[in-house]
Amino acid sequence: MSRPDSAVNPQKARSGFDRVWHAGLISLAGLRAGWGEPAFRQEAIAAIALLPAAFWLGHHWTETALLAGSVLLVMIVELLNTAVEAAIDRIGPEWHDLSKRAKDMGSAAVLLSLLLAGGIWTAAIWHHFGR
């Protein structure tokens, strides 16, 4: 039996490994779309250096997880912010207070994730080299 929403979205009708496989392909398409955004591209390039550094800098698995996780969190929040902006832009190009608020809050979320990552990395570097 077919669900009513399967005609609109074929992913809803998939199951098992086929669903997982297609979800993975959709996620890769999202990463490729994110690569087209300069901010995400800069964060991804920084992650190429920071992720291996997290393994070198962390003394314990929890420190390594915090360092690496904070870098990935910035990238995740950036992708979500980009998704919000794309959805708002699809609605229309005209200025609207609610559209501005949504975009401003997405930008604030990115800022907070960057401050969190910066704080974690600063503390780890201080702990590693400051003693």
N, C-alpha and C. Protein backbone atom coordinates (compact mmCIF):
# COMPACT_ATOMS: atom_id res chain seq x y z
N MET A 1 0.84 -1.18 0.00
CA MET A 1 0.00 0.00 0.00
C MET A 1 0.88 1.24 0.00
N SER A 2 0.58 2.16 -0.87
CA SER A 2 1.38 3.38 -1.01
C SER A 2 0.83 4.47 -0.11
N ARG A 3 1.74 5.18 0.52
CA ARG A 3 1.34 6.32 1.34
C ARG A 3 1.04 7.51 0.44
N PRO A 4 0.13 8.38 0.82
CA PRO A 4 -0.26 9.52 -0.03
C PRO A 4 0.92 10.44 -0.36
N ASP A 5 1.88 10.61 0.56
CA ASP A 5 2.99 11.53 0.31
C ASP A 5 4.08 10.91 -0.55
N SER A 6 3.98 9.61 -0.87
CA SER A 6 5.02 8.97 -1.67
C SER A 6 5.03 9.47 -3.11
N ALA A 7 3.89 9.96 -3.60
CA ALA A 7 3.84 10.50 -4.96
C ALA A 7 4.60 11.82 -5.04
N VAL A 8 4.60 12.58 -3.96
CA VAL A 8 5.29 13.85 -3.94
C VAL A 8 6.79 13.65 -3.68
N ASN A 9 7.10 12.73 -2.77
CA ASN A 9 8.48 12.48 -2.39
C ASN A 9 8.77 10.98 -2.50
N PRO A 10 9.46 10.54 -3.55
CA PRO A 10 9.71 9.10 -3.73
C PRO A 10 10.54 8.50 -2.60
N GLN A 11 11.29 9.31 -1.85
CA GLN A 11 12.10 8.79 -0.74
C GLN A 11 11.20 8.16 0.32
N LYS A 12 9.98 8.68 0.48
CA LYS A 12 9.07 8.16 1.50
C LYS A 12 8.65 6.72 1.22
N ALA A 13 8.67 6.30 -0.04
CA ALA A 13 8.25 4.95 -0.40
C ALA A 13 9.39 3.94 -0.28
N ARG A 14 10.62 4.42 -0.12
CA ARG A 14 11.76 3.51 -0.01
C ARG A 14 11.83 2.92 1.39
N SER A 15 12.49 1.77 1.48
CA SER A 15 12.68 1.16 2.80
C SER A 15 14.00 0.41 2.81
N GLY A 16 14.45 0.06 3.99
CA GLY A 16 15.65 -0.74 4.16
C GLY A 16 16.90 -0.03 3.64
N PHE A 17 17.79 -0.84 3.05
CA PHE A 17 19.06 -0.32 2.56
C PHE A 17 18.87 0.70 1.44
N ASP A 18 17.83 0.49 0.62
CA ASP A 18 17.56 1.43 -0.48
C ASP A 18 17.30 2.83 0.07
N ARG A 19 16.56 2.92 1.17
CA ARG A 19 16.28 4.22 1.79
C ARG A 19 17.56 4.83 2.35
N VAL A 20 18.37 4.01 3.03
CA VAL A 20 19.63 4.50 3.60
C VAL A 20 20.56 4.98 2.49
N TRP A 21 20.65 4.21 1.41
CA TRP A 21 21.52 4.56 0.28
C TRP A 21 21.11 5.91 -0.32
N HIS A 22 19.83 6.06 -0.60
CA HIS A 22 19.36 7.32 -1.19
C HIS A 22 19.47 8.49 -0.23
N ALA A 23 19.26 8.25 1.06
CA ALA A 23 19.44 9.31 2.06
C ALA A 23 20.90 9.77 2.07
N GLY A 24 21.82 8.81 1.93
CA GLY A 24 23.24 9.16 1.86
C GLY A 24 23.55 10.01 0.63
N LEU A 25 22.95 9.66 -0.50
CA LEU A 25 23.16 10.43 -1.72
C LEU A 25 22.61 11.85 -1.58
N ILE A 26 21.45 11.96 -0.93
CA ILE A 26 20.86 13.28 -0.70
C ILE A 26 21.76 14.11 0.21
N SER A 27 22.32 13.47 1.24
CA SER A 27 23.23 14.17 2.15
C SER A 27 24.48 14.65 1.42
N LEU A 28 25.03 13.82 0.53
CA LEU A 28 26.19 14.24 -0.25
C LEU A 28 25.85 15.42 -1.15
N ALA A 29 24.64 15.41 -1.71
CA ALA A 29 24.21 16.56 -2.51
C ALA A 29 24.13 17.82 -1.65
N GLY A 30 23.69 17.67 -0.41
CA GLY A 30 23.65 18.80 0.51
C GLY A 30 25.05 19.33 0.82
N LEU A 31 26.00 18.43 1.00
CA LEU A 31 27.39 18.87 1.24
C LEU A 31 27.96 19.57 0.01
N ARG A 32 27.64 19.06 -1.18
CA ARG A 32 28.10 19.73 -2.40
C ARG A 32 27.47 21.12 -2.51
N ALA A 33 26.20 21.24 -2.17
CA ALA A 33 25.54 22.55 -2.19
C ALA A 33 26.17 23.47 -1.16
N GLY A 34 26.49 22.93 0.01
CA GLY A 34 27.16 23.73 1.04
C GLY A 34 28.51 24.22 0.59
N TRP A 35 29.22 23.39 -0.17
CA TRP A 35 30.54 23.78 -0.68
C TRP A 35 30.46 25.03 -1.55
N GLY A 36 29.30 25.25 -2.15
CA GLY A 36 29.10 26.44 -2.96
C GLY A 36 28.98 27.72 -2.15
N GLU A 37 28.84 27.59 -0.84
CA GLU A 37 28.74 28.76 0.05
C GLU A 37 30.13 29.09 0.59
N PRO A 38 30.60 30.33 0.38
CA PRO A 38 31.97 30.68 0.82
C PRO A 38 32.24 30.44 2.30
N ALA A 39 31.28 30.74 3.17
CA ALA A 39 31.50 30.56 4.61
C ALA A 39 31.68 29.08 4.95
N PHE A 40 30.84 28.22 4.38
CA PHE A 40 30.98 26.78 4.63
C PHE A 40 32.29 26.26 4.06
N ARG A 41 32.65 26.73 2.90
CA ARG A 41 33.91 26.29 2.28
C ARG A 41 35.10 26.66 3.17
N GLN A 42 35.10 27.88 3.72
CA GLN A 42 36.18 28.30 4.62
C GLN A 42 36.23 27.42 5.86
N GLU A 43 35.07 27.12 6.42
CA GLU A 43 35.02 26.29 7.62
C GLU A 43 35.45 24.85 7.31
N ALA A 44 35.10 24.35 6.14
CA ALA A 44 35.50 23.00 5.76
C ALA A 44 37.02 22.93 5.55
N ILE A 45 37.58 23.95 4.95
CA ILE A 45 39.04 23.98 4.75
C ILE A 45 39.75 24.07 6.10
N ALA A 46 39.21 24.88 7.02
CA ALA A 46 39.79 24.96 8.37
C ALA A 46 39.68 23.60 9.06
N ALA A 47 38.59 22.88 8.84
CA ALA A 47 38.39 21.57 9.46
C ALA A 47 39.44 20.56 8.99
N ILE A 48 39.90 20.71 7.76
CA ILE A 48 40.93 19.80 7.24
C ILE A 48 42.19 19.87 8.10
N ALA A 49 42.49 21.05 8.62
CA ALA A 49 43.64 21.21 9.51
C ALA A 49 43.27 20.94 10.96
N LEU A 50 42.09 21.39 11.39
CA LEU A 50 41.73 21.31 12.80
C LEU A 50 41.38 19.90 13.26
N LEU A 51 40.77 19.10 12.43
CA LEU A 51 40.39 17.75 12.86
C LEU A 51 41.62 16.90 13.19
N PRO A 52 42.64 16.84 12.33
CA PRO A 52 43.85 16.11 12.74
C PRO A 52 44.52 16.74 13.97
N ALA A 53 44.48 18.06 14.06
CA ALA A 53 45.08 18.74 15.22
C ALA A 53 44.34 18.36 16.51
N ALA A 54 43.05 18.09 16.43
CA ALA A 54 42.29 17.68 17.60
C ALA A 54 42.83 16.37 18.17
N PHE A 55 43.23 15.45 17.30
CA PHE A 55 43.80 14.18 17.75
C PHE A 55 45.19 14.36 18.36
N TRP A 56 45.92 15.32 17.85
CA TRP A 56 47.24 15.60 18.39
C TRP A 56 47.15 16.36 19.72
N LEU A 57 46.24 17.31 19.80
CA LEU A 57 46.14 18.19 20.96
C LEU A 57 45.42 17.54 22.14
N GLY A 58 44.43 16.71 21.87
CA GLY A 58 43.65 16.09 22.93
C GLY A 58 44.45 15.03 23.67
N HIS A 59 44.45 15.11 24.99
CA HIS A 59 45.17 14.13 25.81
C HIS A 59 44.32 12.90 26.08
N HIS A 60 43.04 13.04 26.01
CA HIS A 60 42.10 11.97 26.32
C HIS A 60 41.01 11.99 25.26
N TRP A 61 40.28 10.90 25.12
CA TRP A 61 39.27 10.84 24.06
C TRP A 61 38.22 11.93 24.23
N THR A 62 37.93 12.34 25.47
CA THR A 62 36.92 13.37 25.67
C THR A 62 37.41 14.73 25.16
N GLU A 63 38.67 15.02 25.37
CA GLU A 63 39.23 16.28 24.85
C GLU A 63 39.22 16.27 23.33
N THR A 64 39.63 15.14 22.76
CA THR A 64 39.63 15.02 21.30
C THR A 64 38.22 15.17 20.75
N ALA A 65 37.25 14.56 21.41
CA ALA A 65 35.86 14.65 20.96
C ALA A 65 35.33 16.08 21.06
N LEU A 66 35.68 16.79 22.13
CA LEU A 66 35.25 18.18 22.26
C LEU A 66 35.86 19.05 21.17
N LEU A 67 37.15 18.87 20.92
CA LEU A 67 37.82 19.68 19.90
C LEU A 67 37.24 19.39 18.52
N ALA A 68 37.17 18.12 18.16
CA ALA A 68 36.65 17.76 16.83
C ALA A 68 35.17 18.09 16.73
N GLY A 69 34.42 17.81 17.79
CA GLY A 69 32.98 18.07 17.77
C GLY A 69 32.66 19.54 17.62
N SER A 70 33.47 20.40 18.24
CA SER A 70 33.21 21.84 18.11
C SER A 70 33.42 22.31 16.67
N VAL A 71 34.40 21.73 15.99
CA VAL A 71 34.65 22.08 14.58
C VAL A 71 33.47 21.61 13.72
N LEU A 72 33.04 20.38 13.94
CA LEU A 72 31.92 19.85 13.17
C LEU A 72 30.63 20.60 13.48
N LEU A 73 30.46 21.02 14.74
CA LEU A 73 29.26 21.78 15.11
C LEU A 73 29.18 23.09 14.32
N VAL A 74 30.29 23.76 14.15
CA VAL A 74 30.30 25.00 13.37
C VAL A 74 29.81 24.72 11.94
N MET A 75 30.30 23.64 11.36
CA MET A 75 29.90 23.30 9.98
C MET A 75 28.42 22.93 9.91
N ILE A 76 27.94 22.21 10.91
CA ILE A 76 26.53 21.83 10.95
C ILE A 76 25.64 23.07 11.05
N VAL A 77 25.99 23.97 11.96
CA VAL A 77 25.18 25.18 12.14
C VAL A 77 25.23 26.04 10.88
N GLU A 78 26.38 26.10 10.22
CA GLU A 78 26.49 26.86 8.98
C GLU A 78 25.57 26.29 7.90
N LEU A 79 25.52 24.96 7.79
CA LEU A 79 24.63 24.34 6.81
C LEU A 79 23.16 24.64 7.14
N LEU A 80 22.81 24.57 8.42
CA LEU A 80 21.43 24.88 8.81
C LEU A 80 21.09 26.35 8.54
N ASN A 81 22.04 27.24 8.82
CA ASN A 81 21.83 28.66 8.52
C ASN A 81 21.63 28.87 7.03
N THR A 82 22.43 28.21 6.23
CA THR A 82 22.30 28.33 4.77
C THR A 82 20.95 27.79 4.31
N ALA A 83 20.48 26.71 4.93
CA ALA A 83 19.18 26.15 4.58
C ALA A 83 18.05 27.14 4.91
N VAL A 84 18.14 27.78 6.08
CA VAL A 84 17.14 28.79 6.46
C VAL A 84 17.14 29.93 5.44
N GLU A 85 18.33 30.41 5.10
CA GLU A 85 18.43 31.51 4.14
C GLU A 85 17.85 31.13 2.78
N ALA A 86 18.13 29.89 2.34
CA ALA A 86 17.60 29.44 1.04
C ALA A 86 16.08 29.36 1.08
N ALA A 87 15.53 28.85 2.18
CA ALA A 87 14.07 28.75 2.29
C ALA A 87 13.43 30.13 2.31
N ILE A 88 14.04 31.06 3.03
CA ILE A 88 13.51 32.43 3.08
C ILE A 88 13.59 33.08 1.69
N ASP A 89 14.72 32.88 1.01
CA ASP A 89 14.89 33.47 -0.33
C ASP A 89 13.91 32.87 -1.34
N ARG A 90 13.53 31.61 -1.16
CA ARG A 90 12.58 30.99 -2.07
C ARG A 90 11.20 31.64 -1.93
N ILE A 91 10.87 32.08 -0.72
CA ILE A 91 9.57 32.70 -0.48
C ILE A 91 9.45 33.98 -1.30
N GLY A 92 10.53 34.76 -1.36
CA GLY A 92 10.49 35.98 -2.16
C GLY A 92 11.64 36.91 -1.81
N PRO A 93 12.02 37.74 -2.76
CA PRO A 93 13.16 38.63 -2.55
C PRO A 93 12.83 39.91 -1.78
N GLU A 94 11.54 40.19 -1.61
CA GLU A 94 11.17 41.44 -0.93
C GLU A 94 11.54 41.37 0.55
N TRP A 95 11.80 42.55 1.12
CA TRP A 95 12.17 42.64 2.51
C TRP A 95 10.95 42.40 3.39
N HIS A 96 11.14 41.61 4.44
CA HIS A 96 10.09 41.39 5.42
C HIS A 96 10.75 41.23 6.78
N ASP A 97 10.13 41.79 7.81
CA ASP A 97 10.70 41.76 9.15
C ASP A 97 10.93 40.33 9.64
N LEU A 98 9.99 39.42 9.39
CA LEU A 98 10.14 38.03 9.84
C LEU A 98 11.28 37.33 9.09
N SER A 99 11.43 37.63 7.81
CA SER A 99 12.55 37.06 7.04
C SER A 99 13.87 37.53 7.61
N LYS A 100 13.95 38.82 7.92
CA LYS A 100 15.17 39.38 8.50
C LYS A 100 15.47 38.73 9.84
N ARG A 101 14.44 38.58 10.67
CA ARG A 101 14.63 37.95 11.99
C ARG A 101 15.16 36.53 11.84
N ALA A 102 14.58 35.75 10.92
CA ALA A 102 15.01 34.37 10.72
C ALA A 102 16.48 34.32 10.28
N LYS A 103 16.84 35.18 9.33
CA LYS A 103 18.22 35.21 8.86
C LYS A 103 19.17 35.70 9.94
N ASP A 104 18.76 36.71 10.70
CA ASP A 104 19.60 37.22 11.79
C ASP A 104 19.82 36.15 12.86
N MET A 105 18.78 35.40 13.20
CA MET A 105 18.93 34.35 14.21
C MET A 105 19.82 33.22 13.71
N GLY A 106 19.71 32.88 12.43
CA GLY A 106 20.61 31.88 11.86
C GLY A 106 22.05 32.34 11.93
N SER A 107 22.28 33.61 11.61
CA SER A 107 23.63 34.17 11.70
C SER A 107 24.13 34.18 13.13
N ALA A 108 23.26 34.50 14.07
CA ALA A 108 23.64 34.49 15.49
C ALA A 108 24.01 33.08 15.94
N ALA A 109 23.29 32.08 15.44
CA ALA A 109 23.61 30.69 15.79
C ALA A 109 25.01 30.33 15.30
N VAL A 110 25.36 30.76 14.10
CA VAL A 110 26.72 30.52 13.59
C VAL A 110 27.74 31.21 14.48
N LEU A 111 27.48 32.46 14.84
CA LEU A 111 28.40 33.19 15.71
C LEU A 111 28.60 32.47 17.03
N LEU A 112 27.52 32.01 17.65
CA LEU A 112 27.64 31.31 18.93
C LEU A 112 28.43 30.01 18.78
N SER A 113 28.22 29.29 17.69
CA SER A 113 28.99 28.06 17.49
C SER A 113 30.47 28.36 17.29
N LEU A 114 30.77 29.46 16.60
CA LEU A 114 32.18 29.86 16.42
C LEU A 114 32.81 30.27 17.75
N LEU A 115 32.06 31.00 18.58
CA LEU A 115 32.57 31.39 19.90
C LEU A 115 32.80 30.16 20.78
N LEU A 116 31.88 29.21 20.74
CA LEU A 116 32.05 27.97 21.50
C LEU A 116 33.30 27.22 21.05
N ALA A 117 33.45 27.05 19.73
CA ALA A 117 34.62 26.34 19.21
C ALA A 117 35.90 27.09 19.58
N GLY A 118 35.89 28.40 19.43
CA GLY A 118 37.06 29.20 19.78
C GLY A 118 37.42 29.06 21.25
N GLY A 119 36.43 29.06 22.12
CA GLY A 119 36.68 28.89 23.55
C GLY A 119 37.26 27.53 23.88
N ILE A 120 36.70 26.49 23.27
CA ILE A 120 37.20 25.13 23.51
C ILE A 120 38.64 25.01 23.03
N TRP A 121 38.92 25.51 21.83
CA TRP A 121 40.27 25.40 21.29
C TRP A 121 41.26 26.25 22.09
N THR A 122 40.84 27.43 22.51
CA THR A 122 41.72 28.28 23.32
C THR A 122 42.07 27.59 24.64
N ALA A 123 41.07 27.01 25.29
CA ALA A 123 41.31 26.31 26.55
C ALA A 123 42.23 25.12 26.35
N ALA A 124 42.02 24.37 25.26
CA ALA A 124 42.87 23.20 25.01
C ALA A 124 44.31 23.60 24.72
N ILE A 125 44.48 24.65 23.94
CA ILE A 125 45.84 25.11 23.62
C ILE A 125 46.52 25.65 24.88
N TRP A 126 45.77 26.39 25.69
CA TRP A 126 46.31 26.89 26.96
C TRP A 126 46.73 25.74 27.86
N HIS A 127 45.87 24.73 27.94
CA HIS A 127 46.14 23.56 28.79
C HIS A 127 47.37 22.79 28.27
N HIS A 128 47.48 22.72 26.97
CA HIS A 128 48.58 21.95 26.36
C HIS A 128 49.92 22.67 26.46
N PHE A 129 49.93 23.98 26.15
CA PHE A 129 51.18 24.72 26.08
C PHE A 129 51.42 25.67 27.27
N GLY A 130 50.38 25.99 28.01
CA GLY A 130 50.49 26.99 29.07
C GLY A 130 51.09 26.48 30.36
N ARG A 131 51.30 25.20 30.48
CA ARG A 131 51.83 24.65 31.73
C ARG A 131 53.33 24.54 31.70
